[in-house]
Protein backbone atom coordinates (compact mmCIF):
# COMPACT_ATOMS: atom_id res chain seq x y z
CA UNK A 1 0.00 0.00 0.00
CA UNK A 2 2.93 2.40 -0.18
CA UNK A 3 1.91 5.71 -1.69
CA UNK A 4 2.70 9.38 -1.92
CA UNK A 5 0.43 11.90 -0.20
CA UNK A 6 0.29 15.52 -1.43
CA UNK A 7 -0.38 17.80 1.53
CA UNK A 8 -2.87 20.59 1.89
CA UNK A 9 -2.07 23.67 4.00
CA UNK A 10 -2.18 22.82 7.69
CA UNK A 11 -1.90 19.04 7.32
CA UNK A 12 -0.13 17.35 10.22
CA UNK A 13 1.76 14.09 9.82
CA UNK A 14 0.06 12.42 12.78
CA UNK A 15 -3.38 13.02 11.25
CA UNK A 16 -2.22 11.84 7.82
CA UNK A 17 -0.90 8.62 9.38
CA UNK A 18 -4.10 8.17 11.39
CA UNK A 19 -6.21 8.53 8.24
CA UNK A 20 -4.05 6.27 6.06
CA UNK A 21 -2.89 3.57 8.48
CA UNK A 22 -5.69 3.77 11.05
CA UNK A 23 -3.23 4.60 13.84
CA UNK A 24 -0.58 7.23 14.46
CA UNK A 25 1.47 5.70 17.27
CA UNK A 26 4.67 4.31 15.74
CA UNK A 27 3.48 5.03 12.19
CA UNK A 28 4.64 8.67 12.42
CA UNK A 29 8.08 7.53 13.52
CA UNK A 30 8.26 4.91 10.76
CA UNK A 31 7.27 7.45 8.09
CA UNK A 32 9.84 9.97 9.34
CA UNK A 33 12.53 7.27 9.46
CA UNK A 34 12.17 6.67 5.73
CA UNK A 35 14.90 8.44 3.77
CA UNK A 36 12.33 9.76 1.27
CA UNK A 37 10.88 11.94 4.05
CA UNK A 38 14.03 13.70 5.27
CA UNK A 39 12.76 17.15 4.28
CA UNK A 40 9.35 16.57 5.88
CA UNK A 41 10.94 16.15 9.32
CA UNK A 42 12.39 19.67 9.05
CA UNK A 43 8.94 21.18 8.44
CA UNK A 44 7.12 19.67 11.40
CA UNK A 45 4.62 19.98 12.93
CA UNK A 46 2.37 21.54 10.24
CA UNK A 47 3.04 20.82 6.60
CA UNK A 48 2.46 23.16 3.68
CA UNK A 49 0.32 22.71 0.59
CA UNK A 50 2.27 20.81 -2.03
CA UNK A 51 4.58 18.97 0.39
CA UNK A 52 4.76 15.30 -0.56
CA UNK A 53 4.98 12.57 2.08
CA UNK A 54 6.01 9.02 1.20
CA UNK A 55 3.88 6.52 3.14
CA UNK A 56 5.57 3.09 3.14
CA UNK A 57 3.86 -0.24 3.74
CA UNK A 58 3.50 -0.73 7.48
CA UNK A 59 2.13 -3.73 9.37
CA UNK A 60 -1.01 -3.40 11.46
CA UNK A 61 -0.15 -2.98 15.14
CA UNK A 62 -0.87 -5.76 17.59
CA UNK A 63 -3.12 -4.97 20.51
CA UNK A 64 -5.41 -1.99 21.03
CA UNK A 65 -5.04 1.10 18.84
CA UNK A 66 -4.51 4.33 20.75
CA UNK A 67 -4.67 7.73 19.04
CA UNK A 68 -2.00 10.21 20.04
CA UNK A 69 -2.04 13.78 18.75
CA UNK A 70 1.51 15.00 19.10
CA UNK A 71 1.11 18.69 18.37
CA UNK A 72 -2.17 19.90 19.90
PDB file of N, CA and C in Angstrom:
ATOM      1  N   UNK A   1       0.813  -1.179   0.000  1.00  0.00           N
ATOM      2  CA  UNK A   1       0.000   0.000   0.000  1.00  0.00           C
ATOM      3  C   UNK A   1       0.866   1.255   0.000  1.00  0.00           C
ATOM      4  N   UNK A   2       2.130   1.180  -0.228  1.00  0.00           N
ATOM      5  CA  UNK A   2       2.935   2.398  -0.181  1.00  0.00           C
ATOM      6  C   UNK A   2       2.402   3.391  -1.208  1.00  0.00           C
ATOM      7  N   UNK A   3       2.426   4.666  -0.823  1.00  0.00           N
ATOM      8  CA  UNK A   3       1.908   5.708  -1.691  1.00  0.00           C
ATOM      9  C   UNK A   3       2.514   7.046  -1.327  1.00  0.00           C
ATOM     10  N   UNK A   4       2.275   8.015  -2.177  1.00  0.00           N
ATOM     11  CA  UNK A   4       2.699   9.384  -1.917  1.00  0.00           C
ATOM     12  C   UNK A   4       1.452  10.208  -1.621  1.00  0.00           C
ATOM     13  N   UNK A   5       1.542  11.045  -0.596  1.00  0.00           N
ATOM     14  CA  UNK A   5       0.429  11.901  -0.200  1.00  0.00           C
ATOM     15  C   UNK A   5       0.837  13.348  -0.432  1.00  0.00           C
ATOM     16  N   UNK A   6       0.029  14.093  -1.186  1.00  0.00           N
ATOM     17  CA  UNK A   6       0.289  15.516  -1.431  1.00  0.00           C
ATOM     18  C   UNK A   6      -0.499  16.318  -0.401  1.00  0.00           C
ATOM     19  N   UNK A   7       0.209  17.090   0.403  1.00  0.00           N
ATOM     20  CA  UNK A   7      -0.379  17.805   1.535  1.00  0.00           C
ATOM     21  C   UNK A   7      -1.185  19.024   1.111  1.00  0.00           C
ATOM     22  N   UNK A   8      -2.129  19.337   1.974  1.00  0.00           N
ATOM     23  CA  UNK A   8      -2.872  20.589   1.893  1.00  0.00           C
ATOM     24  C   UNK A   8      -2.343  21.461   3.031  1.00  0.00           C
ATOM     25  N   UNK A   9      -2.525  22.775   2.938  1.00  0.00           N
ATOM     26  CA  UNK A   9      -2.071  23.671   4.002  1.00  0.00           C
ATOM     27  C   UNK A   9      -2.625  23.231   5.352  1.00  0.00           C
ATOM     28  N   UNK A  10      -1.760  23.157   6.338  1.00  0.00           N
ATOM     29  CA  UNK A  10      -2.177  22.819   7.693  1.00  0.00           C
ATOM     30  C   UNK A  10      -2.229  21.341   7.996  1.00  0.00           C
ATOM     31  N   UNK A  11      -1.935  20.469   7.035  1.00  0.00           N
ATOM     32  CA  UNK A  11      -1.898  19.036   7.324  1.00  0.00           C
ATOM     33  C   UNK A  11      -0.826  18.755   8.371  1.00  0.00           C
ATOM     34  N   UNK A  12      -1.095  17.797   9.211  1.00  0.00           N
ATOM     35  CA  UNK A  12      -0.129  17.352  10.223  1.00  0.00           C
ATOM     36  C   UNK A  12       0.128  15.868   9.991  1.00  0.00           C
ATOM     37  N   UNK A  13       1.377  15.467  10.133  1.00  0.00           N
ATOM     38  CA  UNK A  13       1.755  14.094   9.824  1.00  0.00           C
ATOM     39  C   UNK A  13       1.008  13.087  10.683  1.00  0.00           C
ATOM     40  N   UNK A  14       0.765  13.391  11.943  1.00  0.00           N
ATOM     41  CA  UNK A  14       0.057  12.417  12.784  1.00  0.00           C
ATOM     42  C   UNK A  14      -1.363  12.171  12.281  1.00  0.00           C
ATOM     43  N   UNK A  15      -2.021  13.196  11.787  1.00  0.00           N
ATOM     44  CA  UNK A  15      -3.375  13.021  11.255  1.00  0.00           C
ATOM     45  C   UNK A  15      -3.352  12.283   9.908  1.00  0.00           C
ATOM     46  N   UNK A  16      -2.349  12.559   9.088  1.00  0.00           N
ATOM     47  CA  UNK A  16      -2.215  11.843   7.823  1.00  0.00           C
ATOM     48  C   UNK A  16      -2.043  10.355   8.109  1.00  0.00           C
ATOM     49  N   UNK A  17      -1.142  10.022   9.035  1.00  0.00           N
ATOM     50  CA  UNK A  17      -0.899   8.618   9.385  1.00  0.00           C
ATOM     51  C   UNK A  17      -2.152   7.970   9.965  1.00  0.00           C
ATOM     52  N   UNK A  18      -2.864   8.695  10.807  1.00  0.00           N
ATOM     53  CA  UNK A  18      -4.104   8.167  11.393  1.00  0.00           C
ATOM     54  C   UNK A  18      -5.113   7.846  10.303  1.00  0.00           C
ATOM     55  N   UNK A  19      -5.242   8.743   9.332  1.00  0.00           N
ATOM     56  CA  UNK A  19      -6.206   8.529   8.244  1.00  0.00           C
ATOM     57  C   UNK A  19      -5.798   7.401   7.304  1.00  0.00           C
ATOM     58  N   UNK A  20      -4.514   7.280   7.013  1.00  0.00           N
ATOM     59  CA  UNK A  20      -4.047   6.274   6.057  1.00  0.00           C
ATOM     60  C   UNK A  20      -3.880   4.902   6.702  1.00  0.00           C
ATOM     61  N   UNK A  21      -3.211   4.852   7.844  1.00  0.00           N
ATOM     62  CA  UNK A  21      -2.893   3.574   8.479  1.00  0.00           C
ATOM     63  C   UNK A  21      -3.938   3.141   9.514  1.00  0.00           C
ATOM     64  N   UNK A  22      -4.718   4.098  10.008  1.00  0.00           N
ATOM     65  CA  UNK A  22      -5.691   3.771  11.045  1.00  0.00           C
ATOM     66  C   UNK A  22      -5.134   3.955  12.442  1.00  0.00           C
ATOM     67  N   UNK A  23      -3.881   4.346  12.550  1.00  0.00           N
ATOM     68  CA  UNK A  23      -3.234   4.599  13.841  1.00  0.00           C
ATOM     69  C   UNK A  23      -2.074   5.549  13.605  1.00  0.00           C
ATOM     70  N   UNK A  24      -1.722   6.316  14.623  1.00  0.00           N
ATOM     71  CA  UNK A  24      -0.584   7.228  14.463  1.00  0.00           C
ATOM     72  C   UNK A  24       0.615   6.801  15.301  1.00  0.00           C
ATOM     73  N   UNK A  25       0.365   6.125  16.401  1.00  0.00           N
ATOM     74  CA  UNK A  25       1.465   5.704  17.272  1.00  0.00           C
ATOM     75  C   UNK A  25       2.373   4.738  16.525  1.00  0.00           C
ATOM     76  N   UNK A  26       3.594   5.037  16.432  1.00  0.00           N
ATOM     77  CA  UNK A  26       4.669   4.312  15.738  1.00  0.00           C
ATOM     78  C   UNK A  26       4.636   4.491  14.222  1.00  0.00           C
ATOM     79  N   UNK A  27       3.489   4.818  13.640  1.00  0.00           N
ATOM     80  CA  UNK A  27       3.483   5.030  12.191  1.00  0.00           C
ATOM     81  C   UNK A  27       4.162   6.353  11.838  1.00  0.00           C
ATOM     82  N   UNK A  28       3.983   7.374  12.663  1.00  0.00           N
ATOM     83  CA  UNK A  28       4.638   8.668  12.419  1.00  0.00           C
ATOM     84  C   UNK A  28       6.152   8.479  12.427  1.00  0.00           C
ATOM     85  N   UNK A  29       6.635   7.766  13.410  1.00  0.00           N
ATOM     86  CA  UNK A  29       8.077   7.531  13.519  1.00  0.00           C
ATOM     87  C   UNK A  29       8.597   6.738  12.324  1.00  0.00           C
ATOM     88  N   UNK A  30       7.840   5.741  11.892  1.00  0.00           N
ATOM     89  CA  UNK A  30       8.259   4.915  10.758  1.00  0.00           C
ATOM     90  C   UNK A  30       8.283   5.733   9.468  1.00  0.00           C
ATOM     91  N   UNK A  31       7.311   6.592   9.282  1.00  0.00           N
ATOM     92  CA  UNK A  31       7.274   7.448   8.095  1.00  0.00           C
ATOM     93  C   UNK A  31       8.455   8.411   8.104  1.00  0.00           C
ATOM     94  N   UNK A  32       8.717   9.037   9.248  1.00  0.00           N
ATOM     95  CA  UNK A  32       9.840   9.973   9.336  1.00  0.00           C
ATOM     96  C   UNK A  32      11.190   9.281   9.183  1.00  0.00           C
ATOM     97  N   UNK A  33      11.272   8.013   9.552  1.00  0.00           N
ATOM     98  CA  UNK A  33      12.534   7.274   9.456  1.00  0.00           C
ATOM     99  C   UNK A  33      12.890   6.938   8.004  1.00  0.00           C
ATOM    100  N   UNK A  34      11.911   6.987   7.121  1.00  0.00           N
ATOM    101  CA  UNK A  34      12.167   6.667   5.725  1.00  0.00           C
ATOM    102  C   UNK A  34      12.970   7.794   5.088  1.00  0.00           C
ATOM    103  N   UNK A  35      14.019   7.435   4.368  1.00  0.00           N
ATOM    104  CA  UNK A  35      14.904   8.439   3.774  1.00  0.00           C
ATOM    105  C   UNK A  35      14.199   9.350   2.772  1.00  0.00           C
ATOM    106  N   UNK A  36      13.084   8.927   2.213  1.00  0.00           N
ATOM    107  CA  UNK A  36      12.335   9.760   1.270  1.00  0.00           C
ATOM    108  C   UNK A  36      11.633  10.924   1.969  1.00  0.00           C
ATOM    109  N   UNK A  37      11.577  10.902   3.293  1.00  0.00           N
ATOM    110  CA  UNK A  37      10.877  11.938   4.052  1.00  0.00           C
ATOM    111  C   UNK A  37      11.811  12.827   4.868  1.00  0.00           C
ATOM    112  N   UNK A  38      13.065  12.890   4.503  1.00  0.00           N
ATOM    113  CA  UNK A  38      14.032  13.698   5.271  1.00  0.00           C
ATOM    114  C   UNK A  38      13.624  15.162   5.366  1.00  0.00           C
ATOM    115  N   UNK A  39      13.134  15.732   4.283  1.00  0.00           N
ATOM    116  CA  UNK A  39      12.759  17.148   4.279  1.00  0.00           C
ATOM    117  C   UNK A  39      11.485  17.390   5.083  1.00  0.00           C
ATOM    118  N   UNK A  40      10.603  16.420   5.136  1.00  0.00           N
ATOM    119  CA  UNK A  40       9.345  16.567   5.884  1.00  0.00           C
ATOM    120  C   UNK A  40       9.641  16.764   7.369  1.00  0.00           C
ATOM    121  N   UNK A  41      10.609  16.051   7.894  1.00  0.00           N
ATOM    122  CA  UNK A  41      10.942  16.154   9.321  1.00  0.00           C
ATOM    123  C   UNK A  41      11.348  17.572   9.697  1.00  0.00           C
ATOM    124  N   UNK A  42      11.949  18.294   8.776  1.00  0.00           N
ATOM    125  CA  UNK A  42      12.393  19.667   9.045  1.00  0.00           C
ATOM    126  C   UNK A  42      11.230  20.657   9.091  1.00  0.00           C
ATOM    127  N   UNK A  43      10.086  20.281   8.538  1.00  0.00           N
ATOM    128  CA  UNK A  43       8.942  21.183   8.436  1.00  0.00           C
ATOM    129  C   UNK A  43       7.898  20.955   9.522  1.00  0.00           C
ATOM    130  N   UNK A  44       8.111  20.036  10.395  1.00  0.00           N
ATOM    131  CA  UNK A  44       7.115  19.670  11.402  1.00  0.00           C
ATOM    132  C   UNK A  44       6.841  20.836  12.334  1.00  0.00           C
ATOM    133  N   UNK A  45       5.683  20.975  12.939  1.00  0.00           N
ATOM    134  CA  UNK A  45       4.616  19.978  12.935  1.00  0.00           C
ATOM    135  C   UNK A  45       3.626  20.143  11.790  1.00  0.00           C
ATOM    136  N   UNK A  46       3.352  21.366  11.314  1.00  0.00           N
ATOM    137  CA  UNK A  46       2.374  21.537  10.242  1.00  0.00           C
ATOM    138  C   UNK A  46       3.068  21.579   8.892  1.00  0.00           C
ATOM    139  N   UNK A  47       2.481  20.889   7.943  1.00  0.00           N
ATOM    140  CA  UNK A  47       3.045  20.820   6.604  1.00  0.00           C
ATOM    141  C   UNK A  47       2.349  21.833   5.707  1.00  0.00           C
ATOM    142  N   UNK A  48       2.989  22.156   4.604  1.00  0.00           N
ATOM    143  CA  UNK A  48       2.462  23.160   3.678  1.00  0.00           C
ATOM    144  C   UNK A  48       1.820  22.486   2.468  1.00  0.00           C
ATOM    145  N   UNK A  49       0.930  23.214   1.816  1.00  0.00           N
ATOM    146  CA  UNK A  49       0.315  22.715   0.593  1.00  0.00           C
ATOM    147  C   UNK A  49       1.404  22.388  -0.422  1.00  0.00           C
ATOM    148  N   UNK A  50       1.292  21.228  -1.024  1.00  0.00           N
ATOM    149  CA  UNK A  50       2.269  20.805  -2.029  1.00  0.00           C
ATOM    150  C   UNK A  50       3.376  19.919  -1.493  1.00  0.00           C
ATOM    151  N   UNK A  51       3.590  19.893  -0.169  1.00  0.00           N
ATOM    152  CA  UNK A  51       4.575  18.969   0.389  1.00  0.00           C
ATOM    153  C   UNK A  51       4.131  17.542   0.066  1.00  0.00           C
ATOM    154  N   UNK A  52       5.086  16.684  -0.227  1.00  0.00           N
ATOM    155  CA  UNK A  52       4.762  15.303  -0.561  1.00  0.00           C
ATOM    156  C   UNK A  52       5.379  14.394   0.492  1.00  0.00           C
ATOM    157  N   UNK A  53       4.547  13.523   1.049  1.00  0.00           N
ATOM    158  CA  UNK A  53       4.978  12.574   2.077  1.00  0.00           C
ATOM    159  C   UNK A  53       4.914  11.169   1.493  1.00  0.00           C
ATOM    160  N   UNK A  54       6.003  10.424   1.609  1.00  0.00           N
ATOM    161  CA  UNK A  54       6.010   9.023   1.202  1.00  0.00           C
ATOM    162  C   UNK A  54       5.490   8.197   2.366  1.00  0.00           C
ATOM    163  N   UNK A  55       4.487   7.376   2.107  1.00  0.00           N
ATOM    164  CA  UNK A  55       3.883   6.525   3.137  1.00  0.00           C
ATOM    165  C   UNK A  55       4.173   5.065   2.785  1.00  0.00           C
ATOM    166  N   UNK A  56       5.170   4.469   3.459  1.00  0.00           N
ATOM    167  CA  UNK A  56       5.570   3.094   3.145  1.00  0.00           C
ATOM    168  C   UNK A  56       4.546   2.079   3.663  1.00  0.00           C
ATOM    169  N   UNK A  57       4.667   0.855   3.181  1.00  0.00           N
ATOM    170  CA  UNK A  57       3.860  -0.239   3.736  1.00  0.00           C
ATOM    171  C   UNK A  57       4.248  -0.428   5.191  1.00  0.00           C
ATOM    172  N   UNK A  58       3.264  -0.474   6.064  1.00  0.00           N
ATOM    173  CA  UNK A  58       3.504  -0.730   7.482  1.00  0.00           C
ATOM    174  C   UNK A  58       2.557  -1.811   7.959  1.00  0.00           C
ATOM    175  N   UNK A  59       3.019  -2.689   8.849  1.00  0.00           N
ATOM    176  CA  UNK A  59       2.134  -3.726   9.373  1.00  0.00           C
ATOM    177  C   UNK A  59       1.110  -3.134  10.338  1.00  0.00           C
ATOM    178  N   UNK A  60      -0.015  -3.806  10.461  1.00  0.00           N
ATOM    179  CA  UNK A  60      -1.011  -3.401  11.456  1.00  0.00           C
ATOM    180  C   UNK A  60      -0.436  -3.676  12.842  1.00  0.00           C
ATOM    181  N   UNK A  61      -0.681  -2.763  13.791  1.00  0.00           N
ATOM    182  CA  UNK A  61      -0.151  -2.985  15.142  1.00  0.00           C
ATOM    183  C   UNK A  61      -0.910  -4.101  15.855  1.00  0.00           C
ATOM    184  N   UNK A  62      -0.227  -4.748  16.759  1.00  0.00           N
ATOM    185  CA  UNK A  62      -0.874  -5.759  17.589  1.00  0.00           C
ATOM    186  C   UNK A  62      -1.420  -5.080  18.833  1.00  0.00           C
ATOM    187  N   UNK A  63      -2.536  -5.540  19.305  1.00  0.00           N
ATOM    188  CA  UNK A  63      -3.123  -4.972  20.514  1.00  0.00           C
ATOM    189  C   UNK A  63      -4.020  -3.798  20.192  1.00  0.00           C
ATOM    190  N   UNK A  64      -4.465  -3.090  21.229  1.00  0.00           N
ATOM    191  CA  UNK A  64      -5.405  -1.987  21.025  1.00  0.00           C
ATOM    192  C   UNK A  64      -4.736  -0.796  20.329  1.00  0.00           C
ATOM    193  N   UNK A  65      -5.515  -0.090  19.527  1.00  0.00           N
ATOM    194  CA  UNK A  65      -5.039   1.097  18.838  1.00  0.00           C
ATOM    195  C   UNK A  65      -5.353   2.312  19.694  1.00  0.00           C
ATOM    196  N   UNK A  66      -4.346   3.125  19.939  1.00  0.00           N
ATOM    197  CA  UNK A  66      -4.508   4.325  20.747  1.00  0.00           C
ATOM    198  C   UNK A  66      -4.118   5.516  19.888  1.00  0.00           C
ATOM    199  N   UNK A  67      -4.978   6.535  19.814  1.00  0.00           N
ATOM    200  CA  UNK A  67      -4.675   7.734  19.036  1.00  0.00           C
ATOM    201  C   UNK A  67      -3.909   8.710  19.902  1.00  0.00           C
ATOM    202  N   UNK A  68      -2.798   9.211  19.363  1.00  0.00           N
ATOM    203  CA  UNK A  68      -2.002  10.207  20.044  1.00  0.00           C
ATOM    204  C   UNK A  68      -1.801  11.391  19.123  1.00  0.00           C
ATOM    205  N   UNK A  69      -2.260  12.574  19.528  1.00  0.00           N
ATOM    206  CA  UNK A  69      -2.044  13.784  18.750  1.00  0.00           C
ATOM    207  C   UNK A  69      -0.816  14.475  19.347  1.00  0.00           C
ATOM    208  N   UNK A  70       0.239  14.528  18.580  1.00  0.00           N
ATOM    209  CA  UNK A  70       1.511  14.999  19.097  1.00  0.00           C
ATOM    210  C   UNK A  70       1.626  16.512  19.217  1.00  0.00           C
ATOM    211  N   UNK A  71       0.860  17.256  18.442  1.00  0.00           N
ATOM    212  CA  UNK A  71       1.105  18.695  18.370  1.00  0.00           C
ATOM    213  C   UNK A  71      -0.076  19.575  18.777  1.00  0.00           C
ATOM    214  N   UNK A  72      -1.053  19.054  19.427  1.00  0.00           N
ATOM    215  CA  UNK A  72      -2.175  19.896  19.898  1.00  0.00           C
ATOM    216  C   UNK A  72      -2.334  19.812  21.363  1.00  0.00           C
TER     217      UNK A  72
END
